Amino acid sequence: MPQLVLLNGPPAVGKSTLARLRAEREPMTLCLDPDELRPLLGASVRHTPEGLHAVRELAVAMADTHLRAGHDVWLPQLVLAEEFLDRLAALAAAAGADFRELLLLDSLQHISRRVAARGREFEPTEDELAWYHNNFVHRIGQRPDVLVLQCQEGAAEITYRAIDQALT
């Protein structure tokens, strides 16, 4: 049975890295990184609520197609909106797939350092990172069936093996 695996968590925790690892190692697994879809939109809407909505709609459509074809989808995305989390679960069920929600966490200090090192155009401030971290730990991490994994800085392979073991 195919799986829709949401890799959720704060910025720079390693969501995209882990999804790419999975796609490299498991043929036909789709690493569906919405951040990779953003550049396909016009620059004026890329980082707006309208742009985020459009990117998520594209991701949902792509995930649905791939799951219905019998393949896994790994979605690395920061998601705090519980309505969207519920929508992903419903999408998986309708496509005959399992939905697995993973919450990747690391210390705020490590995340702050990695965000600063990335140097992307739009990065959260220290206060925003603290807010994300608090909301993930106290809100999303309390959802039923969420698997919470503590990531170690610079140890993507260890985290990948932990995820792989948890999913089997």
Protein backbone atom coordinates (compact mmCIF):
# COMPACT_ATOMS: atom_id res chain seq x y z
CA MET A 1 0.00 0.00 0.00
CA PRO A 2 1.45 3.39 -0.92
CA GLN A 3 2.20 5.94 1.77
CA LEU A 4 1.87 9.71 1.96
CA VAL A 5 4.58 10.71 4.42
CA LEU A 6 4.50 14.26 5.73
CA LEU A 7 7.86 15.38 7.07
CA ASN A 8 6.78 18.29 9.22
CA GLY A 9 8.87 20.54 11.43
CA PRO A 10 10.51 23.90 11.80
CA PRO A 11 12.71 25.44 9.10
CA ALA A 12 16.14 23.87 8.54
CA VAL A 13 15.44 20.71 10.53
CA GLY A 14 16.24 18.50 7.52
CA LYS A 15 12.82 17.74 6.01
CA SER A 16 13.85 18.20 2.38
CA THR A 17 17.17 16.44 2.84
CA LEU A 18 15.43 13.36 4.22
CA ALA A 19 12.77 13.34 1.49
CA ARG A 20 15.46 13.55 -1.20
CA LEU A 21 17.32 10.66 0.44
CA ARG A 22 14.16 8.56 0.26
CA ALA A 23 13.57 9.37 -3.39
CA GLU A 24 17.17 8.47 -4.23
CA ARG A 25 16.90 5.11 -2.46
CA GLU A 26 13.36 4.02 -3.28
CA PRO A 27 12.47 4.06 -6.99
CA MET A 28 9.28 5.92 -7.85
CA THR A 29 9.05 7.63 -4.45
CA LEU A 30 8.13 11.23 -5.15
CA CYS A 31 9.97 13.86 -3.13
CA LEU A 32 7.25 16.49 -3.38
CA ASP A 33 8.93 19.58 -1.96
CA PRO A 34 6.57 22.58 -2.26
CA ASP A 35 9.56 24.90 -1.88
CA GLU A 36 10.75 23.58 -5.25
CA LEU A 37 7.39 24.53 -6.78
CA ARG A 38 7.47 28.15 -5.59
CA PRO A 39 9.93 29.33 -8.27
CA LEU A 40 7.46 28.14 -10.90
CA LEU A 41 5.10 30.92 -9.83
CA GLY A 42 5.60 34.58 -10.61
CA ALA A 43 8.12 36.30 -8.34
CA SER A 44 5.49 38.72 -7.03
CA VAL A 45 3.38 35.94 -5.44
CA ARG A 46 6.02 33.37 -4.50
CA HIS A 47 6.12 34.25 -0.80
CA THR A 48 2.55 35.45 -0.30
CA PRO A 49 -0.43 33.63 1.20
CA GLU A 50 -1.84 33.36 -2.33
CA GLY A 51 1.40 31.76 -3.52
CA LEU A 52 1.47 29.32 -0.61
CA HIS A 53 -2.13 28.32 -1.34
CA ALA A 54 -1.34 27.77 -5.04
CA VAL A 55 1.75 25.71 -4.23
CA ARG A 56 -0.15 23.53 -1.78
CA GLU A 57 -2.96 22.97 -4.31
CA LEU A 58 -0.39 21.86 -6.88
CA ALA A 59 1.24 19.56 -4.32
CA VAL A 60 -2.11 17.99 -3.41
CA ALA A 61 -2.91 17.30 -7.07
CA MET A 62 0.53 15.82 -7.72
CA ALA A 63 0.37 13.67 -4.57
CA ASP A 64 -3.08 12.37 -5.50
CA THR A 65 -1.91 11.33 -8.97
CA HIS A 66 1.21 9.59 -7.68
CA LEU A 67 -0.53 7.81 -4.81
CA ARG A 68 -3.30 6.54 -7.11
CA ALA A 69 -0.58 5.10 -9.35
CA GLY A 70 0.55 3.06 -6.33
CA HIS A 71 3.67 5.02 -5.38
CA ASP A 72 4.86 6.67 -2.19
CA VAL A 73 4.96 10.43 -1.75
CA TRP A 74 7.21 12.15 0.77
CA LEU A 75 6.13 15.72 1.44
CA PRO A 76 8.68 17.88 3.30
CA GLN A 77 6.68 20.89 4.44
CA LEU A 78 6.24 23.08 7.48
CA VAL A 79 2.52 22.73 8.22
CA LEU A 80 0.87 24.25 11.28
CA ALA A 81 -2.66 24.48 9.85
CA GLU A 82 -4.47 21.45 11.19
CA GLU A 83 -7.06 21.75 8.41
CA PHE A 84 -4.32 21.06 5.85
CA LEU A 85 -3.02 18.14 7.91
CA ASP A 86 -6.52 16.68 7.95
CA ARG A 87 -6.82 17.29 4.22
CA LEU A 88 -3.63 15.31 3.59
CA ALA A 89 -4.98 12.43 5.67
CA ALA A 90 -8.24 12.47 3.67
CA LEU A 91 -6.30 12.62 0.39
CA ALA A 92 -4.30 9.54 1.34
CA ALA A 93 -7.43 7.64 2.38
CA ALA A 94 -9.23 8.51 -0.86
CA ALA A 95 -6.23 7.32 -2.87
CA GLY A 96 -6.02 4.04 -0.94
CA ALA A 97 -2.80 5.04 0.81
CA ASP A 98 -1.58 5.29 4.38
CA PHE A 99 -0.93 8.74 5.84
CA ARG A 100 2.07 9.02 8.12
CA GLU A 101 2.72 12.29 9.90
CA LEU A 102 6.26 12.74 11.17
CA LEU A 103 7.36 15.70 13.25
CA LEU A 104 11.10 16.36 13.07
CA LEU A 105 12.52 18.43 15.91
CA ASP A 106 15.90 19.72 16.96
CA SER A 107 17.01 22.28 19.50
CA LEU A 108 16.17 25.89 18.76
CA GLN A 109 19.88 26.69 18.91
CA HIS A 110 20.74 24.16 16.19
CA ILE A 111 17.85 25.25 13.98
CA SER A 112 18.80 28.93 14.33
CA ARG A 113 22.38 28.15 13.32
CA ARG A 114 21.28 26.16 10.26
CA VAL A 115 18.83 28.86 9.14
CA ALA A 116 21.58 31.50 9.40
CA ALA A 117 23.94 29.30 7.38
CA ARG A 118 21.42 28.74 4.55
CA GLY A 119 21.17 32.40 3.64
CA ARG A 120 17.95 32.09 1.64
CA GLU A 121 16.00 35.09 0.42
CA PHE A 122 13.17 34.66 2.93
CA GLU A 123 14.14 33.20 6.29
CA PRO A 124 12.32 33.44 9.62
CA THR A 125 13.63 35.73 12.34
CA GLU A 126 14.83 34.37 15.70
CA ASP A 127 11.45 35.25 17.23
CA GLU A 128 9.60 33.45 14.43
CA LEU A 129 11.81 30.38 14.84
CA ALA A 130 11.05 30.32 18.57
CA TRP A 131 7.32 30.61 17.79
CA TYR A 132 7.49 27.74 15.26
CA HIS A 133 9.43 25.58 17.68
CA ASN A 134 6.94 26.19 20.48
CA ASN A 135 3.92 25.50 18.26
CA PHE A 136 5.38 22.28 16.92
CA VAL A 137 6.30 20.96 20.33
CA HIS A 138 3.09 21.96 22.10
CA ARG A 139 0.49 21.71 19.34
CA ILE A 140 1.40 19.55 16.37
CA GLY A 141 3.40 17.11 18.48
CA GLN A 142 0.26 16.41 20.49
CA ARG A 143 -1.81 15.30 17.50
CA PRO A 144 -2.83 11.64 17.56
CA ASP A 145 -0.68 9.33 15.45
CA VAL A 146 2.13 11.88 15.01
CA LEU A 147 5.54 10.28 15.22
CA VAL A 148 7.95 12.75 16.83
CA LEU A 149 11.63 12.28 16.01
CA GLN A 150 14.46 14.23 17.54
CA CYS A 151 16.99 15.03 14.80
CA GLN A 152 20.67 15.30 15.45
CA GLU A 153 22.55 18.08 13.72
CA GLY A 154 24.61 16.69 10.85
CA ALA A 155 23.18 13.18 11.25
CA ALA A 156 20.69 12.86 8.40
CA GLU A 157 21.58 9.20 7.87
CA ILE A 158 20.75 8.32 11.48
CA THR A 159 17.42 10.16 11.26
CA TYR A 160 16.67 8.52 7.90
CA ARG A 161 17.22 5.05 9.38
CA ALA A 162 14.96 5.91 12.34
CA ILE A 163 12.21 7.03 9.96
CA ASP A 164 12.64 3.97 7.77
CA GLN A 165 12.37 1.69 10.80
CA ALA A 166 9.30 3.53 12.11
CA LEU A 167 7.50 3.25 8.77
CA THR A 168 7.97 -0.50 8.38
